[in-house]
Amino acid sequence: MNDLDRITINSNQCGGRPCIRVKDVLDMIAGGATQGKILADFPDLQPEHIRACIAYAARYLDHTVRATA
């Protein structure tokens, strides 16, 4: 299974945002939380889910940035 396959988007869950608690996991990472802390707070997740959140964010932000004059 591709890590990104672990992320689902359903208009009836998470307000239509990508789910595995992507935003929660990314917020925790940004705040300095360790993988162990994230897994302790969300016992239904596995390390692969955390990698999927990071991969999702990387893909979401992967676009060309044009310099302004």
PDB file of N, CA and C in Angstrom:
ATOM      1  N   MET A   1       0.849  -1.181   0.000  1.00  0.00           N
ATOM      2  CA  MET A   1       0.000   0.000   0.000  1.00  0.00           C
ATOM      3  C   MET A   1       0.891   1.240   0.000  1.00  0.00           C
ATOM      4  N   ASN A   2       0.586   2.166  -0.872  1.00  0.00           N
ATOM      5  CA  ASN A   2       1.256   3.455  -0.912  1.00  0.00           C
ATOM      6  C   ASN A   2       0.818   4.236   0.325  1.00  0.00           C
ATOM      7  N   ASP A   3       1.757   4.916   0.981  1.00  0.00           N
ATOM      8  CA  ASP A   3       1.396   5.671   2.180  1.00  0.00           C
ATOM      9  C   ASP A   3       0.269   6.664   1.926  1.00  0.00           C
ATOM     10  N   LEU A   4       0.262   7.291   0.743  1.00  0.00           N
ATOM     11  CA  LEU A   4      -0.789   8.263   0.463  1.00  0.00           C
ATOM     12  C   LEU A   4      -2.163   7.615   0.343  1.00  0.00           C
ATOM     13  N   ASP A   5      -2.213   6.305   0.082  1.00  0.00           N
ATOM     14  CA  ASP A   5      -3.497   5.605   0.029  1.00  0.00           C
ATOM     15  C   ASP A   5      -4.160   5.542   1.395  1.00  0.00           C
ATOM     16  N   ARG A   6      -3.406   5.810   2.445  1.00  0.00           N
ATOM     17  CA  ARG A   6      -3.955   5.789   3.801  1.00  0.00           C
ATOM     18  C   ARG A   6      -4.793   7.027   4.095  1.00  0.00           C
ATOM     19  N   ILE A   7      -4.680   8.047   3.245  1.00  0.00           N
ATOM     20  CA  ILE A   7      -5.419   9.289   3.442  1.00  0.00           C
ATOM     21  C   ILE A   7      -6.707   9.232   2.635  1.00  0.00           C
ATOM     22  N   THR A   8      -7.812   9.547   3.279  1.00  0.00           N
ATOM     23  CA  THR A   8      -9.093   9.550   2.591  1.00  0.00           C
ATOM     24  C   THR A   8      -9.678  10.959   2.636  1.00  0.00           C
ATOM     25  N   ILE A   9     -10.472  11.282   1.627  1.00  0.00           N
ATOM     26  CA  ILE A   9     -11.188  12.548   1.605  1.00  0.00           C
ATOM     27  C   ILE A   9     -12.662  12.216   1.420  1.00  0.00           C
ATOM     28  N   ASN A  10     -13.431  12.579   2.422  1.00  0.00           N
ATOM     29  CA  ASN A  10     -14.857  12.282   2.436  1.00  0.00           C
ATOM     30  C   ASN A  10     -15.570  13.527   2.957  1.00  0.00           C
ATOM     31  N   SER A  11     -16.523  14.027   2.194  1.00  0.00           N
ATOM     32  CA  SER A  11     -17.212  15.259   2.597  1.00  0.00           C
ATOM     33  C   SER A  11     -17.955  15.102   3.917  1.00  0.00           C
ATOM     34  N   ASN A  12     -18.180  13.879   4.353  1.00  0.00           N
ATOM     35  CA  ASN A  12     -18.886  13.636   5.612  1.00  0.00           C
ATOM     36  C   ASN A  12     -17.950  13.416   6.789  1.00  0.00           C
ATOM     37  N   GLN A  13     -16.637  13.519   6.572  1.00  0.00           N
ATOM     38  CA  GLN A  13     -15.662  13.324   7.644  1.00  0.00           C
ATOM     39  C   GLN A  13     -14.700  14.499   7.667  1.00  0.00           C
ATOM     40  N   CYS A  14     -14.296  14.904   8.832  1.00  0.00           N
ATOM     41  CA  CYS A  14     -13.266  15.942   9.000  1.00  0.00           C
ATOM     42  C   CYS A  14     -13.600  17.208   8.225  1.00  0.00           C
ATOM     43  N   GLY A  15     -14.857  17.508   8.052  1.00  0.00           N
ATOM     44  CA  GLY A  15     -15.243  18.707   7.321  1.00  0.00           C
ATOM     45  C   GLY A  15     -14.803  18.694   5.870  1.00  0.00           C
ATOM     46  N   GLY A  16     -14.649  17.493   5.303  1.00  0.00           N
ATOM     47  CA  GLY A  16     -14.234  17.372   3.913  1.00  0.00           C
ATOM     48  C   GLY A  16     -12.730  17.480   3.711  1.00  0.00           C
ATOM     49  N   ARG A  17     -11.983  17.676   4.804  1.00  0.00           N
ATOM     50  CA  ARG A  17     -10.519  17.746   4.716  1.00  0.00           C
ATOM     51  C   ARG A  17      -9.944  16.344   4.624  1.00  0.00           C
ATOM     52  N   PRO A  18      -8.718  16.231   4.146  1.00  0.00           N
ATOM     53  CA  PRO A  18      -8.063  14.924   4.094  1.00  0.00           C
ATOM     54  C   PRO A  18      -8.003  14.319   5.492  1.00  0.00           C
ATOM     55  N   CYS A  19      -8.324  13.041   5.576  1.00  0.00           N
ATOM     56  CA  CYS A  19      -8.385  12.383   6.882  1.00  0.00           C
ATOM     57  C   CYS A  19      -7.251  11.407   7.097  1.00  0.00           C
ATOM     58  N   ILE A  20      -6.883  11.177   8.120  1.00  0.00           N
ATOM     59  CA  ILE A  20      -6.079  10.401   9.035  1.00  0.00           C
ATOM     60  C   ILE A  20      -5.730  11.398  10.120  1.00  0.00           C
ATOM     61  N   ARG A  21      -6.446  12.418  10.239  1.00  0.00           N
ATOM     62  CA  ARG A  21      -6.126  13.505  11.153  1.00  0.00           C
ATOM     63  C   ARG A  21      -4.878  14.223  10.646  1.00  0.00           C
ATOM     64  N   VAL A  22      -4.840  14.418   9.327  1.00  0.00           N
ATOM     65  CA  VAL A  22      -3.664  15.002   8.687  1.00  0.00           C
ATOM     66  C   VAL A  22      -3.275  16.322   9.348  1.00  0.00           C
ATOM     67  N   LYS A  23      -4.229  17.227   9.501  1.00  0.00           N
ATOM     68  CA  LYS A  23      -3.897  18.518  10.084  1.00  0.00           C
ATOM     69  C   LYS A  23      -3.402  18.363  11.513  1.00  0.00           C
ATOM     70  N   ASP A  24      -4.043  17.504  12.292  1.00  0.00           N
ATOM     71  CA  ASP A  24      -3.607  17.300  13.676  1.00  0.00           C
ATOM     72  C   ASP A  24      -2.176  16.782  13.727  1.00  0.00           C
ATOM     73  N   VAL A  25      -1.877  15.810  12.899  1.00  0.00           N
ATOM     74  CA  VAL A  25      -0.529  15.227  12.880  1.00  0.00           C
ATOM     75  C   VAL A  25       0.490  16.282  12.443  1.00  0.00           C
ATOM     76  N   LEU A  26       0.190  17.025  11.379  1.00  0.00           N
ATOM     77  CA  LEU A  26       1.124  18.053  10.909  1.00  0.00           C
ATOM     78  C   LEU A  26       1.305  19.154  11.951  1.00  0.00           C
ATOM     79  N   ASP A  27       0.241  19.539  12.628  1.00  0.00           N
ATOM     80  CA  ASP A  27       0.358  20.539  13.696  1.00  0.00           C
ATOM     81  C   ASP A  27       1.271  20.033  14.812  1.00  0.00           C
ATOM     82  N   MET A  28       1.130  18.768  15.151  1.00  0.00           N
ATOM     83  CA  MET A  28       1.977  18.199  16.205  1.00  0.00           C
ATOM     84  C   MET A  28       3.440  18.159  15.770  1.00  0.00           C
ATOM     85  N   ILE A  29       3.679  17.771  14.530  1.00  0.00           N
ATOM     86  CA  ILE A  29       5.054  17.742  14.019  1.00  0.00           C
ATOM     87  C   ILE A  29       5.640  19.157  14.051  1.00  0.00           C
ATOM     88  N   ALA A  30       4.854  20.130  13.590  1.00  0.00           N
ATOM     89  CA  ALA A  30       5.309  21.521  13.580  1.00  0.00           C
ATOM     90  C   ALA A  30       5.609  22.013  14.993  1.00  0.00           C
ATOM     91  N   GLY A  31       4.894  21.489  15.957  1.00  0.00           N
ATOM     92  CA  GLY A  31       5.105  21.855  17.351  1.00  0.00           C
ATOM     93  C   GLY A  31       6.228  21.103  18.027  1.00  0.00           C
ATOM     94  N   GLY A  32       6.880  20.204  17.284  1.00  0.00           N
ATOM     95  CA  GLY A  32       8.027  19.487  17.828  1.00  0.00           C
ATOM     96  C   GLY A  32       7.716  18.124  18.426  1.00  0.00           C
ATOM     97  N   ALA A  33       6.491  17.643  18.249  1.00  0.00           N
ATOM     98  CA  ALA A  33       6.129  16.334  18.804  1.00  0.00           C
ATOM     99  C   ALA A  33       6.911  15.222  18.115  1.00  0.00           C
ATOM    100  N   THR A  34       7.287  14.247  18.881  1.00  0.00           N
ATOM    101  CA  THR A  34       7.962  13.076  18.329  1.00  0.00           C
ATOM    102  C   THR A  34       6.935  12.115  17.763  1.00  0.00           C
ATOM    103  N   GLN A  35       7.422  11.178  16.964  1.00  0.00           N
ATOM    104  CA  GLN A  35       6.535  10.141  16.434  1.00  0.00           C
ATOM    105  C   GLN A  35       5.877   9.387  17.586  1.00  0.00           C
ATOM    106  N   GLY A  36       6.632   9.099  18.625  1.00  0.00           N
ATOM    107  CA  GLY A  36       6.088   8.382  19.778  1.00  0.00           C
ATOM    108  C   GLY A  36       4.948   9.131  20.442  1.00  0.00           C
ATOM    109  N   LYS A  37       5.086  10.445  20.568  1.00  0.00           N
ATOM    110  CA  LYS A  37       4.035  11.266  21.170  1.00  0.00           C
ATOM    111  C   LYS A  37       2.776  11.254  20.303  1.00  0.00           C
ATOM    112  N   ILE A  38       2.969  11.376  18.982  1.00  0.00           N
ATOM    113  CA  ILE A  38       1.820  11.364  18.065  1.00  0.00           C
ATOM    114  C   ILE A  38       1.098  10.029  18.159  1.00  0.00           C
ATOM    115  N   LEU A  39       1.846   8.949  18.151  1.00  0.00           N
ATOM    116  CA  LEU A  39       1.235   7.615  18.220  1.00  0.00           C
ATOM    117  C   LEU A  39       0.557   7.388  19.569  1.00  0.00           C
ATOM    118  N   ALA A  40       1.095   7.971  20.624  1.00  0.00           N
ATOM    119  CA  ALA A  40       0.467   7.847  21.944  1.00  0.00           C
ATOM    120  C   ALA A  40      -0.851   8.623  21.980  1.00  0.00           C
ATOM    121  N   ASP A  41      -0.871   9.797  21.346  1.00  0.00           N
ATOM    122  CA  ASP A  41      -2.093  10.608  21.328  1.00  0.00           C
ATOM    123  C   ASP A  41      -3.164  10.034  20.399  1.00  0.00           C
ATOM    124  N   PHE A  42      -2.731   9.337  19.357  1.00  0.00           N
ATOM    125  CA  PHE A  42      -3.655   8.751  18.379  1.00  0.00           C
ATOM    126  C   PHE A  42      -3.333   7.254  18.240  1.00  0.00           C
ATOM    127  N   PRO A  43      -3.756   6.440  19.187  1.00  0.00           N
ATOM    128  CA  PRO A  43      -3.374   5.027  19.191  1.00  0.00           C
ATOM    129  C   PRO A  43      -3.872   4.225  17.989  1.00  0.00           C
ATOM    130  N   ASP A  44      -4.806   4.787  17.225  1.00  0.00           N
ATOM    131  CA  ASP A  44      -5.283   4.077  16.038  1.00  0.00           C
ATOM    132  C   ASP A  44      -4.363   4.297  14.839  1.00  0.00           C
ATOM    133  N   LEU A  45      -3.372   5.164  14.975  1.00  0.00           N
ATOM    134  CA  LEU A  45      -2.428   5.418  13.883  1.00  0.00           C
ATOM    135  C   LEU A  45      -1.206   4.519  13.985  1.00  0.00           C
ATOM    136  N   GLN A  46      -0.535   4.378  12.861  1.00  0.00           N
ATOM    137  CA  GLN A  46       0.720   3.640  12.768  1.00  0.00           C
ATOM    138  C   GLN A  46       1.762   4.581  12.184  1.00  0.00           C
ATOM    139  N   PRO A  47       3.052   4.262  12.307  1.00  0.00           N
ATOM    140  CA  PRO A  47       4.081   5.135  11.742  1.00  0.00           C
ATOM    141  C   PRO A  47       3.846   5.450  10.261  1.00  0.00           C
ATOM    142  N   GLU A  48       3.279   4.519   9.523  1.00  0.00           N
ATOM    143  CA  GLU A  48       2.996   4.738   8.104  1.00  0.00           C
ATOM    144  C   GLU A  48       2.013   5.877   7.892  1.00  0.00           C
ATOM    145  N   HIS A  49       1.103   6.048   8.836  1.00  0.00           N
ATOM    146  CA  HIS A  49       0.142   7.141   8.734  1.00  0.00           C
ATOM    147  C   HIS A  49       0.845   8.499   8.860  1.00  0.00           C
ATOM    148  N   ILE A  50       1.810   8.578   9.745  1.00  0.00           N
ATOM    149  CA  ILE A  50       2.558   9.825   9.915  1.00  0.00           C
ATOM    150  C   ILE A  50       3.324  10.144   8.635  1.00  0.00           C
ATOM    151  N   ARG A  51       3.959   9.142   8.057  1.00  0.00           N
ATOM    152  CA  ARG A  51       4.659   9.353   6.785  1.00  0.00           C
ATOM    153  C   ARG A  51       3.684   9.788   5.702  1.00  0.00           C
ATOM    154  N   ALA A  52       2.489   9.238   5.700  1.00  0.00           N
ATOM    155  CA  ALA A  52       1.486   9.610   4.702  1.00  0.00           C
ATOM    156  C   ALA A  52       1.091  11.078   4.863  1.00  0.00           C
ATOM    157  N   CYS A  53       0.976  11.545   6.085  1.00  0.00           N
ATOM    158  CA  CYS A  53       0.638  12.957   6.322  1.00  0.00           C
ATOM    159  C   CYS A  53       1.726  13.864   5.766  1.00  0.00           C
ATOM    160  N   ILE A  54       2.975  13.513   6.010  1.00  0.00           N
ATOM    161  CA  ILE A  54       4.089  14.316   5.514  1.00  0.00           C
ATOM    162  C   ILE A  54       4.129  14.271   3.987  1.00  0.00           C
ATOM    163  N   ALA A  55       3.923  13.108   3.409  1.00  0.00           N
ATOM    164  CA  ALA A  55       3.919  12.972   1.949  1.00  0.00           C
ATOM    165  C   ALA A  55       2.780  13.770   1.335  1.00  0.00           C
ATOM    166  N   TYR A  56       1.621  13.771   1.981  1.00  0.00           N
ATOM    167  CA  TYR A  56       0.479  14.539   1.482  1.00  0.00           C
ATOM    168  C   TYR A  56       0.820  16.026   1.470  1.00  0.00           C
ATOM    169  N   ALA A  57       1.384  16.515   2.557  1.00  0.00           N
ATOM    170  CA  ALA A  57       1.739  17.930   2.640  1.00  0.00           C
ATOM    171  C   ALA A  57       2.770  18.289   1.574  1.00  0.00           C
ATOM    172  N   ALA A  58       3.745  17.422   1.370  1.00  0.00           N
ATOM    173  CA  ALA A  58       4.777  17.678   0.360  1.00  0.00           C
ATOM    174  C   ALA A  58       4.165  17.742  -1.034  1.00  0.00           C
ATOM    175  N   ARG A  59       3.268  16.833  -1.337  1.00  0.00           N
ATOM    176  CA  ARG A  59       2.615  16.846  -2.657  1.00  0.00           C
ATOM    177  C   ARG A  59       1.703  18.052  -2.816  1.00  0.00           C
ATOM    178  N   TYR A  60       1.009  18.406  -1.758  1.00  0.00           N
ATOM    179  CA  TYR A  60       0.087  19.532  -1.803  1.00  0.00           C
ATOM    180  C   TYR A  60       0.831  20.824  -2.106  1.00  0.00           C
ATOM    181  N   LEU A  61       2.038  20.932  -1.583  1.00  0.00           N
ATOM    182  CA  LEU A  61       2.830  22.149  -1.746  1.00  0.00           C
ATOM    183  C   LEU A  61       3.769  22.111  -2.948  1.00  0.00           C
ATOM    184  N   ASP A  62       3.762  21.019  -3.691  1.00  0.00           N
ATOM    185  CA  ASP A  62       4.673  20.863  -4.819  1.00  0.00           C
ATOM    186  C   ASP A  62       4.112  21.554  -6.056  1.00  0.00           C
ATOM    187  N   HIS A  63       4.486  22.802  -6.222  1.00  0.00           N
ATOM    188  CA  HIS A  63       4.066  23.558  -7.395  1.00  0.00           C
ATOM    189  C   HIS A  63       5.126  24.595  -7.705  1.00  0.00           C
ATOM    190  N   THR A  64       5.109  25.071  -8.901  1.00  0.00           N
ATOM    191  CA  THR A  64       6.072  26.069  -9.327  1.00  0.00           C
ATOM    192  C   THR A  64       5.727  27.417  -8.713  1.00  0.00           C
ATOM    193  N   VAL A  65       6.734  28.065  -8.190  1.00  0.00           N
ATOM    194  CA  VAL A  65       6.561  29.400  -7.645  1.00  0.00           C
ATOM    195  C   VAL A  65       7.207  30.378  -8.628  1.00  0.00           C
ATOM    196  N   ARG A  66       6.418  31.333  -9.063  1.00  0.00           N
ATOM    197  CA  ARG A  66       6.941  32.320 -10.013  1.00  0.00           C
ATOM    198  C   ARG A  66       7.348  33.588  -9.260  1.00  0.00           C
ATOM    199  N   ALA A  67       8.525  34.057  -9.575  1.00  0.00           N
ATOM    200  CA  ALA A  67       9.009  35.284  -8.963  1.00  0.00           C
ATOM    201  C   ALA A  67       8.252  36.478  -9.526  1.00  0.00           C
ATOM    202  N   THR A  68       7.958  37.430  -8.688  1.00  0.00           N
ATOM    203  CA  THR A  68       7.301  38.649  -9.157  1.00  0.00           C
ATOM    204  C   THR A  68       8.354  39.704  -9.434  1.00  0.00           C
ATOM    205  N   ALA A  69       8.084  40.523 -10.409  1.00  0.00           N
ATOM    206  CA  ALA A  69       9.062  41.544 -10.798  1.00  0.00           C
ATOM    207  C   ALA A  69       8.972  42.773  -9.967  1.00  0.00           C
TER     208      ALA A  69
END
